[in-house]
Structure formats: structure tokens, C-alpha cells
Amino acid sequence: MCIRDSQNQVQKISNILEGLNLTLSLTNIDKESFRTEPPIKVIRKLIVDKLNENPEREIIFENKLKQQDIKIKIDSNLFYRMVENILKNSLAYTEGKIELIISSPDNQLIIKVLDQGCGVDDDIIKRINEEDLTNITRHGLGIFISKQIAELHGGNFLVKNKDPGLEVSFIFDL
């Protein structure tokens, strides 16, 4: 095994441990520290950051909010991480365009990330829905963490395969 392969393995293990530590710490977060903020501000920062890191990629942002000043109670760092995990997966595992759509139908805030990849195994989607962390592969942990963060913020998390790609939705009641 060459040094580069060894470093890659160490990085993968480090990322898994960081993710597992985050999942454990999420159960102890005090929601009283959450602030009422506009989530669009966090989303815009994330889009700019990812476009700057990946200038060759096509990330399309659609703001379909009926009211631009919508605010919800969030921890902005966790909220950023929640969407970032999904966006990073799309950037890492797909080559086509990625869409991030934020909308507010029926007194809800919906954030969707859609990519044009080949999706994920239905088994992984099932394990995420059942909160089963056994045998997590490269796709599972970041998605699971995003689900935990959404639920911590009182939201719902939906992941489904499309043809082509994957659609991940975060849904919050307003």
C-alpha cells in the first residue's frame, strides 16, 4: 500500500469518526440557543461557498419563496451543515448539474437538492429512514447526519431516487 492510499484511508476513518461524534453530540444540543433567522441567508452562503470551491460545476439555485423574509428557529452552523452534507455528496458522486430549490408552499419551508447522478441503493434509503447506522458506506453517514439535524430543527427529511438522480428534501412547518 502506498503512502497516498494510507493517507486516504486515514482521512476516511477520520471523517467517519467526526460524523459519529457529531451524531452523538446532536442528541445533547440545547435548542434554547437556536435563533430566529432567515434560512435563505444560510442557503445563499452555502451556494456561494460551494461555487467558489467548485467553479467548474453547475449548481443552479432557485428561490421560489413567496415571502423573502421567512424566518425559522435554527442554529445557523448546523443548518448549513445539514444542507452542505447533501450538496457535497452530489458534488462528489455525480457529474451533471445540481439544483437547490427553496420554496414555501402551504405554510411550509421546503429545501430540495436534486442531482443527475445514479441515486443511492434503496437499501441505504431504507436504513436512513429506519435510523440504522450499521454498515454505513460512503453515502450513508452524511445523509444520516443531515436527517438528524433536520429533525433537531423540527423538520422532516425525505430522500428518494429520481430518474435520473437523487432528490433530498428538508421540510419545515412555518
Protein backbone atom coordinates (compact mmCIF):
# COMPACT_ATOMS: atom_id res chain seq x y z
CA MET A 1 0.00 0.00 0.00
CA CYS A 2 1.45 3.36 -0.95
CA ILE A 3 1.54 6.35 1.38
CA ARG A 4 -1.22 8.15 -0.56
CA ASP A 5 -3.61 5.18 -0.15
CA SER A 6 -2.79 5.05 3.53
CA GLN A 7 -3.47 8.79 3.91
CA ASN A 8 -6.79 8.39 2.08
CA GLN A 9 -7.79 5.57 4.46
CA VAL A 10 -6.83 7.67 7.49
CA GLN A 11 -8.89 10.59 6.12
CA LYS A 12 -11.90 8.33 5.53
CA ILE A 13 -11.68 6.92 9.07
CA SER A 14 -11.26 10.42 10.47
CA ASN A 15 -14.36 11.63 8.58
CA ILE A 16 -16.40 8.66 9.84
CA LEU A 17 -15.33 9.30 13.44
CA GLU A 18 -16.13 13.02 13.11
CA GLY A 19 -19.57 12.14 11.75
CA LEU A 20 -20.26 9.64 14.52
CA ASN A 21 -19.18 12.15 17.15
CA LEU A 22 -21.50 14.74 15.60
CA THR A 23 -24.45 12.32 15.67
CA LEU A 24 -23.82 11.70 19.36
CA SER A 25 -23.48 15.40 20.18
CA LEU A 26 -26.69 16.29 18.31
CA THR A 27 -28.71 14.47 20.95
CA ASN A 28 -27.33 16.84 23.61
CA ILE A 29 -27.85 20.17 21.82
CA ASP A 30 -29.85 22.78 23.69
CA LYS A 31 -32.47 24.11 21.29
CA GLU A 32 -32.81 27.19 23.50
CA SER A 33 -29.66 28.51 21.81
CA PHE A 34 -31.41 28.45 18.40
CA ARG A 35 -32.19 31.88 16.96
CA THR A 36 -35.00 33.00 14.71
CA GLU A 37 -33.20 33.68 11.43
CA PRO A 38 -33.86 33.68 7.70
CA PRO A 39 -32.72 30.29 6.34
CA ILE A 40 -32.29 31.85 2.88
CA LYS A 41 -29.22 33.66 4.23
CA VAL A 42 -27.60 30.35 5.23
CA ILE A 43 -28.53 28.75 1.89
CA ARG A 44 -27.08 31.64 -0.11
CA LYS A 45 -23.80 31.46 1.82
CA LEU A 46 -23.60 27.71 1.20
CA ILE A 47 -24.22 28.13 -2.54
CA VAL A 48 -21.54 30.81 -2.83
CA ASP A 49 -19.07 28.70 -0.85
CA LYS A 50 -19.66 25.59 -2.98
CA LEU A 51 -19.49 27.52 -6.27
CA ASN A 52 -16.21 29.08 -5.16
CA GLU A 53 -14.83 25.63 -4.23
CA ASN A 54 -16.16 24.04 -7.44
CA PRO A 55 -16.11 26.72 -10.17
CA GLU A 56 -16.33 24.10 -12.92
CA ARG A 57 -19.61 22.68 -11.59
CA GLU A 58 -23.13 23.80 -12.41
CA ILE A 59 -25.12 24.48 -9.24
CA ILE A 60 -28.46 26.08 -10.01
CA PHE A 61 -30.21 27.93 -7.20
CA GLU A 62 -33.94 28.62 -7.46
CA ASN A 63 -35.54 30.86 -4.88
CA LYS A 64 -39.29 30.24 -5.05
CA LEU A 65 -40.11 31.73 -1.66
CA LYS A 66 -43.44 33.55 -1.57
CA GLN A 67 -42.06 35.78 1.18
CA GLN A 68 -38.34 36.50 1.16
CA ASP A 69 -38.24 37.37 4.87
CA ILE A 70 -39.29 33.92 6.18
CA LYS A 71 -37.60 33.13 9.47
CA ILE A 72 -37.41 29.93 11.49
CA LYS A 73 -35.64 28.93 14.68
CA ILE A 74 -32.25 27.50 13.71
CA ASP A 75 -28.66 27.00 14.68
CA SER A 76 -27.16 28.50 11.52
CA ASN A 77 -23.98 26.37 11.66
CA LEU A 78 -25.93 23.12 11.95
CA PHE A 79 -28.45 24.25 9.35
CA TYR A 80 -25.55 24.98 6.96
CA ARG A 81 -24.04 21.55 7.68
CA MET A 82 -27.41 19.86 7.11
CA VAL A 83 -27.67 21.10 3.52
CA GLU A 84 -23.92 21.05 2.90
CA ASN A 85 -23.69 17.30 3.53
CA ILE A 86 -26.19 16.65 0.75
CA LEU A 87 -24.67 19.17 -1.64
CA LYS A 88 -21.18 17.74 -1.04
CA ASN A 89 -22.46 14.23 -1.82
CA SER A 90 -23.96 15.48 -5.07
CA LEU A 91 -20.71 17.23 -5.99
CA ALA A 92 -18.61 14.18 -5.13
CA TYR A 93 -20.71 11.41 -6.64
CA THR A 94 -22.36 12.99 -9.68
CA GLU A 95 -21.17 14.89 -12.72
CA GLY A 96 -24.29 16.65 -14.02
CA LYS A 97 -25.94 19.81 -12.84
CA ILE A 98 -27.18 20.14 -9.28
CA GLU A 99 -30.27 22.11 -8.35
CA LEU A 100 -31.05 23.62 -4.97
CA ILE A 101 -34.62 24.86 -4.72
CA ILE A 102 -36.13 26.68 -1.77
CA SER A 103 -39.89 27.23 -1.68
CA SER A 104 -42.72 27.93 0.72
CA PRO A 105 -45.95 26.23 -0.33
CA ASP A 106 -48.78 25.59 2.12
CA ASN A 107 -47.18 27.27 5.15
CA GLN A 108 -44.04 25.16 4.86
CA LEU A 109 -40.42 25.82 4.03
CA ILE A 110 -39.04 23.22 1.62
CA ILE A 111 -35.39 22.93 0.63
CA LYS A 112 -34.67 20.44 -2.16
CA VAL A 113 -31.35 19.28 -3.54
CA LEU A 114 -31.60 17.43 -6.84
CA ASP A 115 -28.77 15.90 -8.81
CA GLN A 116 -28.46 13.94 -12.03
CA GLY A 117 -26.44 11.03 -10.67
CA CYS A 118 -27.47 7.41 -10.38
CA GLY A 119 -29.10 7.80 -6.96
CA VAL A 120 -28.38 5.57 -3.98
CA ASP A 121 -29.27 1.99 -3.20
CA ASP A 122 -32.81 1.53 -1.93
CA ASP A 123 -31.26 -0.35 1.00
CA ILE A 124 -29.43 2.79 2.08
CA ILE A 125 -32.64 4.84 1.86
CA LYS A 126 -34.41 2.21 3.97
CA ARG A 127 -31.62 2.26 6.58
CA ILE A 128 -31.72 6.06 6.74
CA ASN A 129 -35.48 6.03 7.28
CA GLU A 130 -35.09 3.40 10.00
CA GLU A 131 -32.09 5.24 11.52
CA ASP A 132 -29.96 2.14 11.09
CA LEU A 133 -26.27 3.04 11.27
CA THR A 134 -24.94 -0.49 10.72
CA ASN A 135 -22.60 -0.96 7.79
CA ILE A 136 -22.68 2.69 6.72
CA THR A 137 -20.98 3.20 3.38
CA ARG A 138 -19.65 6.35 1.77
CA HIS A 139 -23.19 7.67 1.13
CA GLY A 140 -24.88 6.91 4.42
CA LEU A 141 -23.36 8.90 7.26
CA GLY A 142 -23.59 12.42 5.79
CA ILE A 143 -27.20 11.79 4.78
CA PHE A 144 -27.98 10.38 8.23
CA ILE A 145 -26.43 13.43 9.92
CA SER A 146 -28.48 15.74 7.70
CA LYS A 147 -31.61 13.85 8.69
CA GLN A 148 -30.75 14.22 12.38
CA ILE A 149 -30.13 17.96 12.01
CA ALA A 150 -33.44 18.42 10.15
CA GLU A 151 -35.31 16.59 12.90
CA LEU A 152 -33.49 18.59 15.58
CA HIS A 153 -34.87 21.71 13.88
CA GLY A 154 -38.39 20.23 13.90
CA GLY A 155 -38.26 19.35 10.22
CA ASN A 156 -38.82 16.28 8.11
CA PHE A 157 -36.32 14.66 5.79
CA LEU A 158 -37.16 12.86 2.57
CA VAL A 159 -34.76 11.13 0.22
CA LYS A 160 -35.85 9.44 -2.98
CA ASN A 161 -34.34 8.24 -6.21
CA LYS A 162 -35.39 10.04 -9.38
CA ASP A 163 -34.75 9.14 -12.97
CA PRO A 164 -32.03 10.31 -13.20
CA GLY A 165 -30.57 11.25 -9.86
CA LEU A 166 -31.46 11.75 -6.27
CA GLU A 167 -33.84 14.20 -4.60
CA VAL A 168 -33.33 15.15 -0.97
CA SER A 169 -35.93 17.38 0.70
CA PHE A 170 -35.96 19.17 4.03
CA ILE A 171 -39.47 20.21 5.08
CA PHE A 172 -40.23 22.62 7.92
CA ASP A 173 -43.61 23.88 9.10
CA LEU A 174 -43.82 27.64 9.35
